[in-house]
Amino acid sequence: MKKIFLIMSLVMAFSCGNKNNIDKNKKIEKNTTTTEQVKQNQQEEKTDFDKLSKKEQEEYLKKLEKIEAKYEKELMELKIPEFNKSQTNDSKQLTEEEVKEIKDVLREKFKRIGLTAATKDGRFYIIEVIKDGKNKEETAKEVALERPDIIDTIGEWCKNKGMEFKVIFVEFYDKVQNKKISQSAYHSHLLEIQYEDKEYKDALREGFSKYKRATKF
């Protein structure tokens, strides 16, 4: 009888020990999975410029500078038929210092300005990365509010320089989806919407209606 009791005690002890090991392994596995999910979520959150660390923001802006250096010359020489009907060109070439001033003025107010350049005949090209492409309503608000602010910023710079611009192109870009969602041209005090992605069109229209007082035209 004592032998049977001893054997049963050993079996129970082994079973309990084995169960504890299984529970412990499950707990470790659960913790590991949770840690990996947290890391993945953190990585996804990093796609937003505002959520990047100061060092990462600086690295991002340096990267943009390289992009600008690569494409700026081509943009400066770009010809657009509807704005080149005149046989004479009485506009002046913007200097490198003036182009740098434009970039600095824009980046003081707008954190996600992706690319800016100016042509010799007074055309300005500005690309801004939208904050969150998944939030259509917030994007509509962002475009409605920031488009006129960007235009006003360039207009004020031109006024201070004693010069007139021909046209300002403003493009909003979704960095995550890697596509342009909106592009407009501002010339002769008229705002022309040249392109809006179908996915955003309804939200943008609703946004402009809701925030129309923000537009100053």
N, C-alpha and C. Protein backbone atom coordinates (compact mmCIF):
# COMPACT_ATOMS: atom_id res chain seq x y z
N MET A 1 0.83 -1.21 0.00
CA MET A 1 0.00 0.00 0.00
C MET A 1 0.86 1.25 0.00
N LYS A 2 1.93 1.20 0.81
CA LYS A 2 2.85 2.33 0.87
C LYS A 2 3.51 2.56 -0.48
N LYS A 3 3.83 1.43 -1.18
CA LYS A 3 4.47 1.55 -2.50
C LYS A 3 3.52 2.23 -3.50
N ILE A 4 2.24 1.79 -3.42
CA ILE A 4 1.26 2.38 -4.35
C ILE A 4 1.12 3.88 -4.09
N PHE A 5 1.05 4.26 -2.79
CA PHE A 5 0.91 5.67 -2.42
C PHE A 5 2.12 6.48 -2.88
N LEU A 6 3.33 5.87 -2.75
CA LEU A 6 4.56 6.54 -3.15
C LEU A 6 4.59 6.77 -4.66
N ILE A 7 4.15 5.73 -5.41
CA ILE A 7 4.14 5.84 -6.88
C ILE A 7 3.16 6.93 -7.33
N MET A 8 1.96 6.95 -6.68
CA MET A 8 0.96 7.96 -7.03
C MET A 8 1.45 9.37 -6.72
N SER A 9 2.18 9.49 -5.61
CA SER A 9 2.73 10.80 -5.23
C SER A 9 3.74 11.28 -6.25
N LEU A 10 4.59 10.36 -6.73
CA LEU A 10 5.60 10.71 -7.73
C LEU A 10 4.96 11.13 -9.05
N VAL A 11 3.89 10.36 -9.43
CA VAL A 11 3.19 10.68 -10.68
C VAL A 11 2.56 12.06 -10.62
N MET A 12 1.91 12.36 -9.46
CA MET A 12 1.28 13.67 -9.28
C MET A 12 2.30 14.79 -9.29
N ALA A 13 3.44 14.55 -8.65
CA ALA A 13 4.49 15.57 -8.60
C ALA A 13 5.03 15.85 -9.99
N PHE A 14 5.22 14.76 -10.77
CA PHE A 14 5.73 14.91 -12.14
C PHE A 14 4.74 15.68 -13.02
N SER A 15 3.43 15.31 -12.83
CA SER A 15 2.38 15.97 -13.62
C SER A 15 2.31 17.46 -13.33
N CYS A 16 2.38 17.80 -12.03
CA CYS A 16 2.33 19.21 -11.64
C CYS A 16 3.53 19.97 -12.18
N GLY A 17 4.70 19.32 -12.09
CA GLY A 17 5.92 19.97 -12.59
C GLY A 17 5.86 20.19 -14.09
N ASN A 18 5.36 19.18 -14.79
CA ASN A 18 5.24 19.28 -16.24
C ASN A 18 4.25 20.37 -16.64
N LYS A 19 3.11 20.44 -15.87
CA LYS A 19 2.09 21.46 -16.15
C LYS A 19 2.66 22.86 -15.94
N ASN A 20 3.46 23.01 -14.86
CA ASN A 20 4.06 24.32 -14.58
C ASN A 20 5.00 24.74 -15.70
N ASN A 21 5.77 23.74 -16.22
CA ASN A 21 6.70 24.04 -17.32
C ASN A 21 5.94 24.47 -18.58
N ILE A 22 4.80 23.77 -18.86
CA ILE A 22 4.00 24.11 -20.04
C ILE A 22 3.43 25.52 -19.91
N ASP A 23 2.87 25.82 -18.69
CA ASP A 23 2.31 27.15 -18.45
C ASP A 23 3.38 28.22 -18.58
N LYS A 24 4.59 27.90 -18.06
CA LYS A 24 5.70 28.85 -18.12
C LYS A 24 6.10 29.13 -19.56
N ASN A 25 6.16 28.03 -20.36
CA ASN A 25 6.53 28.18 -21.77
C ASN A 25 5.48 29.00 -22.53
N LYS A 26 4.19 28.74 -22.20
CA LYS A 26 3.12 29.51 -22.85
C LYS A 26 3.22 30.98 -22.51
N LYS A 27 3.56 31.25 -21.22
CA LYS A 27 3.69 32.63 -20.77
C LYS A 27 4.82 33.34 -21.50
N ILE A 28 5.97 32.62 -21.64
CA ILE A 28 7.12 33.18 -22.36
C ILE A 28 6.76 33.47 -23.81
N GLU A 29 6.06 32.47 -24.43
CA GLU A 29 5.65 32.63 -25.83
C GLU A 29 4.71 33.82 -25.99
N LYS A 30 3.78 33.96 -25.03
CA LYS A 30 2.83 35.07 -25.07
C LYS A 30 3.53 36.41 -24.93
N ASN A 31 4.49 36.48 -24.00
CA ASN A 31 5.25 37.71 -23.78
C ASN A 31 6.07 38.08 -25.01
N THR A 32 6.68 37.04 -25.64
CA THR A 32 7.49 37.27 -26.83
C THR A 32 6.62 37.83 -27.96
N THR A 33 5.44 37.22 -28.15
CA THR A 33 4.52 37.68 -29.19
C THR A 33 4.09 39.12 -28.95
N THR A 34 3.78 39.43 -27.69
CA THR A 34 3.36 40.78 -27.33
C THR A 34 4.46 41.79 -27.62
N THR A 35 5.71 41.42 -27.28
CA THR A 35 6.86 42.30 -27.52
C THR A 35 7.04 42.56 -29.01
N GLU A 36 6.90 41.49 -29.81
CA GLU A 36 7.03 41.64 -31.26
C GLU A 36 5.93 42.54 -31.83
N GLN A 37 4.71 42.38 -31.30
CA GLN A 37 3.60 43.21 -31.76
C GLN A 37 3.83 44.67 -31.43
N VAL A 38 4.35 44.92 -30.22
CA VAL A 38 4.65 46.29 -29.80
C VAL A 38 5.68 46.91 -30.72
N LYS A 39 6.75 46.14 -31.03
CA LYS A 39 7.79 46.64 -31.93
C LYS A 39 7.22 46.95 -33.30
N GLN A 40 6.34 46.05 -33.79
CA GLN A 40 5.73 46.26 -35.11
C GLN A 40 4.85 47.50 -35.11
N ASN A 41 4.07 47.67 -34.03
CA ASN A 41 3.20 48.84 -33.93
C ASN A 41 4.01 50.13 -33.87
N GLN A 42 5.13 50.06 -33.12
CA GLN A 42 5.99 51.23 -33.01
C GLN A 42 6.58 51.59 -34.36
N GLN A 43 6.95 50.55 -35.13
CA GLN A 43 7.53 50.78 -36.45
C GLN A 43 6.51 51.41 -37.39
N GLU A 44 5.24 50.93 -37.29
CA GLU A 44 4.18 51.49 -38.12
C GLU A 44 3.92 52.95 -37.78
N GLU A 45 3.98 53.27 -36.48
CA GLU A 45 3.75 54.64 -36.04
C GLU A 45 4.84 55.58 -36.54
N LYS A 46 6.04 55.06 -36.79
CA LYS A 46 7.17 55.88 -37.21
C LYS A 46 6.98 56.46 -38.61
N THR A 47 5.96 55.97 -39.35
CA THR A 47 5.74 56.49 -40.70
C THR A 47 5.29 57.95 -40.67
N ASP A 48 4.78 58.41 -39.55
CA ASP A 48 4.34 59.80 -39.41
C ASP A 48 5.51 60.66 -38.99
N PHE A 49 5.77 61.71 -39.76
CA PHE A 49 6.92 62.58 -39.50
C PHE A 49 6.90 63.13 -38.08
N ASP A 50 5.72 63.53 -37.60
CA ASP A 50 5.61 64.14 -36.28
C ASP A 50 5.98 63.17 -35.16
N LYS A 51 5.88 61.86 -35.42
CA LYS A 51 6.18 60.87 -34.39
C LYS A 51 7.63 60.40 -34.42
N LEU A 52 8.39 60.87 -35.40
CA LEU A 52 9.81 60.53 -35.47
C LEU A 52 10.58 61.28 -34.39
N SER A 53 11.69 60.69 -33.96
CA SER A 53 12.55 61.38 -32.99
C SER A 53 13.23 62.55 -33.69
N LYS A 54 13.81 63.44 -32.91
CA LYS A 54 14.46 64.63 -33.48
C LYS A 54 15.57 64.22 -34.44
N LYS A 55 16.33 63.19 -34.06
CA LYS A 55 17.42 62.72 -34.90
C LYS A 55 16.88 62.15 -36.22
N GLU A 56 15.79 61.37 -36.12
CA GLU A 56 15.19 60.78 -37.32
C GLU A 56 14.61 61.86 -38.24
N GLN A 57 14.04 62.91 -37.64
CA GLN A 57 13.52 64.02 -38.44
C GLN A 57 14.64 64.72 -39.19
N GLU A 58 15.78 64.92 -38.51
CA GLU A 58 16.93 65.56 -39.15
C GLU A 58 17.45 64.72 -40.31
N GLU A 59 17.52 63.39 -40.09
CA GLU A 59 17.98 62.48 -41.15
C GLU A 59 17.02 62.51 -42.34
N TYR A 60 15.72 62.59 -42.04
CA TYR A 60 14.70 62.63 -43.09
C TYR A 60 14.84 63.90 -43.93
N LEU A 61 15.04 65.03 -43.26
CA LEU A 61 15.19 66.31 -43.96
C LEU A 61 16.47 66.34 -44.80
N LYS A 62 17.54 65.70 -44.29
CA LYS A 62 18.79 65.61 -45.05
C LYS A 62 18.57 64.80 -46.33
N LYS A 63 17.78 63.74 -46.19
CA LYS A 63 17.46 62.91 -47.35
C LYS A 63 16.69 63.72 -48.39
N LEU A 64 15.77 64.56 -47.91
CA LEU A 64 15.00 65.42 -48.82
C LEU A 64 15.90 66.41 -49.54
N GLU A 65 16.90 66.92 -48.82
CA GLU A 65 17.85 67.86 -49.43
C GLU A 65 18.55 67.21 -50.62
N LYS A 66 18.91 65.92 -50.46
CA LYS A 66 19.58 65.20 -51.55
C LYS A 66 18.63 65.03 -52.74
N ILE A 67 17.35 64.75 -52.43
CA ILE A 67 16.35 64.61 -53.49
C ILE A 67 16.20 65.93 -54.23
N GLU A 68 16.14 67.03 -53.46
CA GLU A 68 16.00 68.35 -54.06
C GLU A 68 17.18 68.68 -54.96
N ALA A 69 18.38 68.35 -54.48
CA ALA A 69 19.59 68.63 -55.26
C ALA A 69 19.56 67.89 -56.59
N LYS A 70 18.99 66.68 -56.57
CA LYS A 70 18.94 65.85 -57.78
C LYS A 70 17.95 66.40 -58.81
N TYR A 71 16.78 66.84 -58.34
CA TYR A 71 15.71 67.23 -59.25
C TYR A 71 15.54 68.73 -59.45
N GLU A 72 16.18 69.53 -58.62
CA GLU A 72 15.96 70.97 -58.66
C GLU A 72 16.34 71.57 -60.01
N LYS A 73 17.45 71.15 -60.58
CA LYS A 73 17.91 71.70 -61.86
C LYS A 73 16.88 71.42 -62.96
N GLU A 74 16.34 70.19 -62.97
CA GLU A 74 15.34 69.84 -63.98
C GLU A 74 14.08 70.67 -63.80
N LEU A 75 13.67 70.87 -62.54
CA LEU A 75 12.48 71.67 -62.26
C LEU A 75 12.67 73.12 -62.67
N MET A 76 13.88 73.63 -62.47
CA MET A 76 14.17 75.01 -62.83
C MET A 76 14.04 75.23 -64.33
N GLU A 77 14.32 74.20 -65.12
CA GLU A 77 14.30 74.32 -66.58
C GLU A 77 13.01 73.79 -67.21
N LEU A 78 12.09 73.26 -66.38
CA LEU A 78 10.88 72.65 -66.89
C LEU A 78 10.00 73.66 -67.64
N LYS A 79 9.50 73.25 -68.80
CA LYS A 79 8.65 74.12 -69.61
C LYS A 79 7.20 73.60 -69.60
N ILE A 80 6.26 74.51 -69.39
CA ILE A 80 4.85 74.15 -69.42
C ILE A 80 4.18 75.02 -70.47
N PRO A 81 3.65 74.43 -71.56
CA PRO A 81 3.15 75.18 -72.72
C PRO A 81 2.22 76.34 -72.38
N GLU A 82 1.19 76.09 -71.52
CA GLU A 82 0.21 77.15 -71.27
C GLU A 82 0.79 78.36 -70.56
N PHE A 83 1.99 78.21 -69.98
CA PHE A 83 2.62 79.34 -69.30
C PHE A 83 3.84 79.85 -70.08
N ASN A 84 3.98 79.40 -71.32
CA ASN A 84 5.11 79.84 -72.13
C ASN A 84 4.66 80.32 -73.51
N LYS A 85 3.51 80.96 -73.58
CA LYS A 85 2.98 81.44 -74.86
C LYS A 85 3.72 82.68 -75.35
N SER A 86 4.22 83.46 -74.40
CA SER A 86 4.93 84.68 -74.78
C SER A 86 6.30 84.34 -75.36
N GLN A 87 6.69 85.06 -76.42
CA GLN A 87 7.99 84.83 -77.05
C GLN A 87 9.13 85.45 -76.24
N THR A 88 8.77 86.40 -75.39
CA THR A 88 9.80 87.07 -74.59
C THR A 88 9.77 86.56 -73.16
N ASN A 89 10.92 86.58 -72.54
CA ASN A 89 11.01 86.15 -71.15
C ASN A 89 11.61 87.29 -70.34
N ASP A 90 10.74 88.06 -69.69
CA ASP A 90 11.22 89.22 -68.96
C ASP A 90 11.41 88.94 -67.46
N SER A 91 11.31 87.67 -67.10
CA SER A 91 11.49 87.33 -65.69
C SER A 91 12.96 87.06 -65.40
N LYS A 92 13.31 87.14 -64.13
CA LYS A 92 14.71 86.94 -63.78
C LYS A 92 14.94 85.55 -63.20
N GLN A 93 16.15 85.07 -63.32
CA GLN A 93 16.53 83.78 -62.75
C GLN A 93 16.69 83.93 -61.24
N LEU A 94 16.01 83.06 -60.49
CA LEU A 94 16.18 83.08 -59.03
C LEU A 94 17.56 82.54 -58.68
N THR A 95 18.18 83.17 -57.71
CA THR A 95 19.51 82.73 -57.29
C THR A 95 19.39 81.54 -56.34
N GLU A 96 20.51 80.85 -56.11
CA GLU A 96 20.52 79.73 -55.17
C GLU A 96 20.13 80.19 -53.77
N GLU A 97 20.57 81.39 -53.42
CA GLU A 97 20.25 81.93 -52.09
C GLU A 97 18.75 82.18 -51.95
N GLU A 98 18.12 82.65 -53.02
CA GLU A 98 16.67 82.89 -52.99
C GLU A 98 15.89 81.59 -52.89
N VAL A 99 16.35 80.56 -53.61
CA VAL A 99 15.70 79.25 -53.53
C VAL A 99 15.82 78.70 -52.11
N LYS A 100 16.99 78.89 -51.51
CA LYS A 100 17.20 78.43 -50.12
C LYS A 100 16.28 79.18 -49.16
N GLU A 101 16.10 80.47 -49.40
CA GLU A 101 15.19 81.28 -48.56
C GLU A 101 13.77 80.73 -48.62
N ILE A 102 13.33 80.36 -49.82
CA ILE A 102 11.98 79.81 -50.00
C ILE A 102 11.83 78.54 -49.18
N LYS A 103 12.82 77.67 -49.27
CA LYS A 103 12.78 76.41 -48.52
C LYS A 103 12.71 76.66 -47.02
N ASP A 104 13.54 77.58 -46.56
CA ASP A 104 13.59 77.89 -45.12
C ASP A 104 12.27 78.48 -44.63
N VAL A 105 11.70 79.39 -45.43
CA VAL A 105 10.43 80.03 -45.05
C VAL A 105 9.32 78.98 -44.95
N LEU A 106 9.28 78.06 -45.91
CA LEU A 106 8.25 77.02 -45.90
C LEU A 106 8.42 76.07 -44.72
N ARG A 107 9.65 75.67 -44.46
CA ARG A 107 9.89 74.69 -43.40
C ARG A 107 9.76 75.26 -41.99
N GLU A 108 9.74 76.57 -41.90
CA GLU A 108 9.47 77.18 -40.60
C GLU A 108 8.02 76.93 -40.18
N LYS A 109 7.13 76.85 -41.17
CA LYS A 109 5.69 76.73 -40.89
C LYS A 109 5.16 75.32 -41.12
N PHE A 110 5.77 74.59 -42.07
CA PHE A 110 5.23 73.29 -42.46
C PHE A 110 6.29 72.21 -42.28
N LYS A 111 6.04 71.27 -41.39
CA LYS A 111 7.05 70.26 -41.04
C LYS A 111 7.25 69.22 -42.13
N ARG A 112 6.20 68.93 -42.90
CA ARG A 112 6.28 67.81 -43.84
C ARG A 112 6.43 68.25 -45.29
N ILE A 113 7.00 69.45 -45.50
CA ILE A 113 7.27 69.90 -46.87
C ILE A 113 8.32 68.98 -47.47
N GLY A 114 7.95 68.33 -48.59
CA GLY A 114 8.84 67.31 -49.14
C GLY A 114 9.79 67.82 -50.21
N LEU A 115 9.33 68.76 -51.04
CA LEU A 115 10.18 69.24 -52.13
C LEU A 115 9.71 70.63 -52.54
N THR A 116 10.64 71.52 -52.75
CA THR A 116 10.28 72.86 -53.24
C THR A 116 11.32 73.33 -54.23
N ALA A 117 10.87 73.94 -55.31
CA ALA A 117 11.78 74.49 -56.32
C ALA A 117 11.08 75.61 -57.05
N ALA A 118 11.83 76.42 -57.77
CA ALA A 118 11.25 77.56 -58.49
C ALA A 118 11.87 77.66 -59.88
N THR A 119 11.04 77.98 -60.86
CA THR A 119 11.54 78.15 -62.22
C THR A 119 12.02 79.58 -62.43
N LYS A 120 12.73 79.78 -63.52
CA LYS A 120 13.28 81.11 -63.81
C LYS A 120 12.20 82.12 -64.18
N ASP A 121 11.00 81.63 -64.58
CA ASP A 121 9.94 82.57 -64.95
C ASP A 121 8.86 82.69 -63.88
N GLY A 122 9.23 82.47 -62.62
CA GLY A 122 8.31 82.75 -61.53
C GLY A 122 7.27 81.69 -61.25
N ARG A 123 7.61 80.41 -61.44
CA ARG A 123 6.71 79.32 -61.09
C ARG A 123 7.29 78.57 -59.91
N PHE A 124 6.45 78.22 -58.98
CA PHE A 124 6.90 77.56 -57.75
C PHE A 124 6.26 76.19 -57.63
N TYR A 125 7.07 75.21 -57.27
CA TYR A 125 6.60 73.83 -57.13
C TYR A 125 6.78 73.40 -55.68
N ILE A 126 5.68 73.02 -55.03
CA ILE A 126 5.73 72.65 -53.63
C ILE A 126 5.03 71.32 -53.42
N ILE A 127 5.68 70.40 -52.74
CA ILE A 127 5.08 69.11 -52.41
C ILE A 127 5.04 68.97 -50.90
N GLU A 128 3.87 68.65 -50.37
CA GLU A 128 3.76 68.40 -48.93
C GLU A 128 3.26 66.98 -48.69
N VAL A 129 3.91 66.28 -47.78
CA VAL A 129 3.50 64.94 -47.40
C VAL A 129 2.34 65.06 -46.41
N ILE A 130 1.21 64.39 -46.69
CA ILE A 130 0.07 64.47 -45.78
C ILE A 130 0.38 63.74 -44.48
N LYS A 131 -0.35 64.11 -43.43
CA LYS A 131 -0.06 63.59 -42.10
C LYS A 131 -0.47 62.13 -41.95
N ASP A 132 -1.71 61.79 -42.36
CA ASP A 132 -2.22 60.44 -42.16
C ASP A 132 -3.18 60.09 -43.28
N GLY A 133 -2.71 59.28 -44.23
CA GLY A 133 -3.52 58.93 -45.39
C GLY A 133 -4.72 58.07 -45.06
N LYS A 134 -4.71 57.40 -43.90
CA LYS A 134 -5.81 56.52 -43.52
C LYS A 134 -7.02 57.32 -43.04
N ASN A 135 -6.77 58.52 -42.57
CA ASN A 135 -7.85 59.35 -42.03
C ASN A 135 -8.29 60.37 -43.09
N LYS A 136 -9.31 60.01 -43.86
CA LYS A 136 -9.74 60.84 -44.99
C LYS A 136 -10.27 62.20 -44.54
N GLU A 137 -11.06 62.20 -43.46
CA GLU A 137 -11.65 63.47 -42.99
C GLU A 137 -10.56 64.43 -42.53
N GLU A 138 -9.58 63.90 -41.80
CA GLU A 138 -8.49 64.73 -41.31
C GLU A 138 -7.63 65.24 -42.46
N THR A 139 -7.46 64.38 -43.49
CA THR A 139 -6.70 64.79 -44.67
C THR A 139 -7.41 65.92 -45.41
N ALA A 140 -8.74 65.82 -45.52
CA ALA A 140 -9.52 66.88 -46.16
C ALA A 140 -9.33 68.20 -45.44
N LYS A 141 -9.37 68.14 -44.13
CA LYS A 141 -9.17 69.35 -43.32
C LYS A 141 -7.76 69.90 -43.54
N GLU A 142 -6.79 68.99 -43.55
CA GLU A 142 -5.38 69.39 -43.72
C GLU A 142 -5.17 70.10 -45.05
N VAL A 143 -5.69 69.50 -46.14
CA VAL A 143 -5.53 70.09 -47.47
C VAL A 143 -6.24 71.44 -47.55
N ALA A 144 -7.47 71.49 -47.01
CA ALA A 144 -8.25 72.73 -47.07
C ALA A 144 -7.59 73.86 -46.32
N LEU A 145 -6.95 73.55 -45.20
CA LEU A 145 -6.32 74.59 -44.38
C LEU A 145 -4.92 74.96 -44.86
N GLU A 146 -4.15 73.96 -45.24
CA GLU A 146 -2.74 74.22 -45.53
C GLU A 146 -2.48 74.70 -46.94
N ARG A 147 -3.33 74.34 -47.89
CA ARG A 147 -3.14 74.80 -49.27
C ARG A 147 -3.07 76.33 -49.33
N PRO A 148 -4.08 77.06 -48.80
CA PRO A 148 -4.00 78.52 -48.85
C PRO A 148 -2.86 79.09 -48.02
N ASP A 149 -2.53 78.41 -46.91
CA ASP A 149 -1.43 78.89 -46.08
C ASP A 149 -0.09 78.80 -46.81
N ILE A 150 0.11 77.71 -47.54
CA ILE A 150 1.34 77.55 -48.33
C ILE A 150 1.41 78.63 -49.41
N ILE A 151 0.28 78.83 -50.10
CA ILE A 151 0.22 79.85 -51.16
C ILE A 151 0.49 81.24 -50.59
N ASP A 152 -0.12 81.52 -49.44
CA ASP A 152 0.09 82.82 -48.79
C ASP A 152 1.55 83.03 -48.40
N THR A 153 2.18 81.94 -47.94
CA THR A 153 3.59 82.02 -47.53
C THR A 153 4.48 82.40 -48.71
N ILE A 154 4.27 81.74 -49.85
CA ILE A 154 5.03 82.07 -51.06
C ILE A 154 4.69 83.48 -51.54
N GLY A 155 3.40 83.82 -51.50
CA GLY A 155 2.97 85.15 -51.93
C GLY A 155 3.60 86.25 -51.09
N GLU A 156 3.69 86.03 -49.79
CA GLU A 156 4.30 87.01 -48.89
C GLU A 156 5.79 87.15 -49.18
N TRP A 157 6.45 86.02 -49.45
CA TRP A 157 7.88 86.04 -49.77
C TRP A 157 8.11 86.86 -51.05
N CYS A 158 7.28 86.62 -52.07
CA CYS A 158 7.39 87.36 -53.34
C CYS A 158 7.17 88.85 -53.12
N LYS A 159 6.16 89.17 -52.32
CA LYS A 159 5.84 90.58 -52.04
C LYS A 159 7.02 91.28 -51.38
N ASN A 160 7.64 90.59 -50.41
CA ASN A 160 8.80 91.16 -49.71
C ASN A 160 9.99 91.35 -50.65
N LYS A 161 10.05 90.52 -51.70
CA LYS A 161 11.13 90.61 -52.68
C LYS A 161 10.82 91.61 -53.80
N GLY A 162 9.59 92.12 -53.80
CA GLY A 162 9.19 93.05 -54.85
C GLY A 162 9.03 92.39 -56.20
N MET A 163 8.59 91.12 -56.22
CA MET A 163 8.41 90.40 -57.47
C MET A 163 7.04 89.76 -57.52
N GLU A 164 6.60 89.37 -58.72
CA GLU A 164 5.31 88.71 -58.90
C GLU A 164 5.54 87.28 -59.37
N PHE A 165 4.68 86.38 -58.91
CA PHE A 165 4.79 85.00 -59.37
C PHE A 165 3.80 84.75 -60.51
N LYS A 166 4.13 83.80 -61.39
CA LYS A 166 3.21 83.42 -62.46
C LYS A 166 2.22 82.38 -61.95
N VAL A 167 2.75 81.36 -61.29
CA VAL A 167 1.89 80.27 -60.82
C VAL A 167 2.57 79.54 -59.66
N ILE A 168 1.74 79.06 -58.75
CA ILE A 168 2.24 78.24 -57.64
C ILE A 168 1.56 76.88 -57.72
N PHE A 169 2.35 75.83 -57.91
CA PHE A 169 1.82 74.47 -57.90
C PHE A 169 1.97 73.89 -56.50
N VAL A 170 0.86 73.39 -55.96
CA VAL A 170 0.90 72.76 -54.63
C VAL A 170 0.39 71.33 -54.77
N GLU A 171 1.24 70.39 -54.37
CA GLU A 171 0.89 68.97 -54.47
C GLU A 171 0.90 68.33 -53.09
N PHE A 172 -0.14 67.55 -52.81
CA PHE A 172 -0.19 66.79 -51.56
C PHE A 172 0.07 65.32 -51.87
N TYR A 173 0.95 64.73 -51.09
CA TYR A 173 1.48 63.41 -51.41
C TYR A 173 1.32 62.47 -50.22
N ASP A 174 0.85 61.25 -50.49
CA ASP A 174 0.73 60.22 -49.46
C ASP A 174 1.99 59.36 -49.49
N LYS A 175 2.85 59.54 -48.50
CA LYS A 175 4.15 58.86 -48.47
C LYS A 175 3.99 57.35 -48.25
N VAL A 176 2.98 56.96 -47.43
CA VAL A 176 2.78 55.55 -47.11
C VAL A 176 2.32 54.78 -48.35
N GLN A 177 1.32 55.34 -49.06
CA GLN A 177 0.82 54.68 -50.27
C GLN A 177 1.65 55.01 -51.50
N ASN A 178 2.59 55.95 -51.34
CA ASN A 178 3.50 56.34 -52.42
C ASN A 178 2.74 56.84 -53.65
N LYS A 179 1.82 57.80 -53.41
CA LYS A 179 1.08 58.34 -54.54
C LYS A 179 0.63 59.78 -54.25
N LYS A 180 0.40 60.52 -55.34
CA LYS A 180 -0.11 61.89 -55.25
C LYS A 180 -1.62 61.83 -55.06
N ILE A 181 -2.15 62.62 -54.11
CA ILE A 181 -3.59 62.60 -53.89
C ILE A 181 -4.26 63.89 -54.37
N SER A 182 -3.48 64.96 -54.49
CA SER A 182 -4.08 66.23 -54.91
C SER A 182 -3.02 67.15 -55.48
N GLN A 183 -3.39 67.89 -56.53
CA GLN A 183 -2.50 68.91 -57.07
C GLN A 183 -3.33 70.09 -57.54
N SER A 184 -2.87 71.29 -57.21
CA SER A 184 -3.58 72.49 -57.61
C SER A 184 -2.60 73.53 -58.12
N ALA A 185 -3.11 74.46 -58.90
CA ALA A 185 -2.30 75.57 -59.41
C ALA A 185 -2.98 76.87 -59.01
N TYR A 186 -2.19 77.81 -58.51
CA TYR A 186 -2.73 79.12 -58.12
C TYR A 186 -2.09 80.18 -59.00
N HIS A 187 -2.91 80.83 -59.82
CA HIS A 187 -2.38 81.88 -60.70
C HIS A 187 -3.48 82.91 -60.97
N SER A 188 -3.08 84.14 -61.15
CA SER A 188 -4.02 85.24 -61.42
C SER A 188 -5.14 85.29 -60.38
N HIS A 189 -4.80 84.99 -59.14
CA HIS A 189 -5.75 85.02 -58.02
C HIS A 189 -6.88 84.00 -58.20
N LEU A 190 -6.63 82.94 -58.96
CA LEU A 190 -7.60 81.86 -59.12
C LEU A 190 -6.96 80.54 -58.71
N LEU A 191 -7.69 79.76 -57.94
CA LEU A 191 -7.20 78.46 -57.52
C LEU A 191 -7.81 77.38 -58.41
N GLU A 192 -6.96 76.68 -59.14
CA GLU A 192 -7.42 75.63 -60.06
C GLU A 192 -7.04 74.26 -59.50
N ILE A 193 -8.05 73.42 -59.25
CA ILE A 193 -7.78 72.06 -58.80
C ILE A 193 -7.50 71.22 -60.04
N GLN A 194 -6.26 70.82 -60.21
CA GLN A 194 -5.88 70.07 -61.41
C GLN A 194 -6.12 68.57 -61.28
N TYR A 195 -5.95 68.07 -60.06
CA TYR A 195 -6.08 66.62 -59.86
C TYR A 195 -6.43 66.31 -58.42
N GLU A 196 -7.36 65.36 -58.25
CA GLU A 196 -7.65 64.81 -56.93
C GLU A 196 -7.90 63.32 -57.06
N ASP A 197 -7.22 62.55 -56.26
CA ASP A 197 -7.38 61.10 -56.29
C ASP A 197 -8.83 60.74 -55.96
N LYS A 198 -9.40 59.80 -56.70
CA LYS A 198 -10.80 59.42 -56.52
C LYS A 198 -11.08 58.98 -55.09
N GLU A 199 -10.13 58.29 -54.51
CA GLU A 199 -10.29 57.77 -53.14
C GLU A 199 -10.51 58.90 -52.13
N TYR A 200 -9.92 60.07 -52.40
CA TYR A 200 -9.99 61.19 -51.46
C TYR A 200 -11.02 62.25 -51.87
N LYS A 201 -11.57 62.14 -53.07
CA LYS A 201 -12.36 63.24 -53.63
C LYS A 201 -13.55 63.64 -52.75
N ASP A 202 -14.33 62.65 -52.32
CA ASP A 202 -15.50 62.96 -51.49
C ASP A 202 -15.09 63.60 -50.17
N ALA A 203 -14.06 63.06 -49.55
CA ALA A 203 -13.59 63.60 -48.27
C ALA A 203 -13.04 65.00 -48.45
N LEU A 204 -12.33 65.23 -49.55
CA LEU A 204 -11.79 66.56 -49.83
C LEU A 204 -12.90 67.57 -50.09
N ARG A 205 -13.92 67.14 -50.85
CA ARG A 205 -15.05 68.02 -51.14
C ARG A 205 -15.78 68.40 -49.85
N GLU A 206 -15.98 67.40 -49.00
CA GLU A 206 -16.64 67.65 -47.72
C GLU A 206 -15.78 68.56 -46.84
N GLY A 207 -14.47 68.33 -46.91
CA GLY A 207 -13.55 69.14 -46.12
C GLY A 207 -13.55 70.59 -46.57
N PHE A 208 -13.55 70.83 -47.88
CA PHE A 208 -13.56 72.20 -48.41
C PHE A 208 -14.87 72.89 -48.04
N SER A 209 -15.97 72.14 -48.05
CA SER A 209 -17.26 72.73 -47.69
C SER A 209 -17.27 73.12 -46.22
N LYS A 210 -16.73 72.26 -45.39
CA LYS A 210 -16.74 72.49 -43.94
C LYS A 210 -15.78 73.59 -43.53
N TYR A 211 -14.63 73.65 -44.25
CA TYR A 211 -13.59 74.60 -43.86
C TYR A 211 -13.40 75.69 -44.91
N LYS A 212 -14.46 76.01 -45.66
CA LYS A 212 -14.32 76.95 -46.77
C LYS A 212 -13.91 78.35 -46.30
N ARG A 213 -14.22 78.68 -45.06
CA ARG A 213 -13.84 80.00 -44.57
C ARG A 213 -12.32 80.15 -44.45
N ALA A 214 -11.62 79.01 -44.41
CA ALA A 214 -10.16 79.07 -44.30
C ALA A 214 -9.52 79.48 -45.62
N THR A 215 -10.21 79.23 -46.75
CA THR A 215 -9.65 79.63 -48.03
C THR A 215 -9.90 81.11 -48.24
N LYS A 216 -8.90 81.81 -48.73
CA LYS A 216 -8.95 83.28 -48.74
C LYS A 216 -9.10 83.85 -50.15
N PHE A 217 -9.76 83.12 -51.04
CA PHE A 217 -9.85 83.59 -52.41
C PHE A 217 -11.29 84.00 -52.74
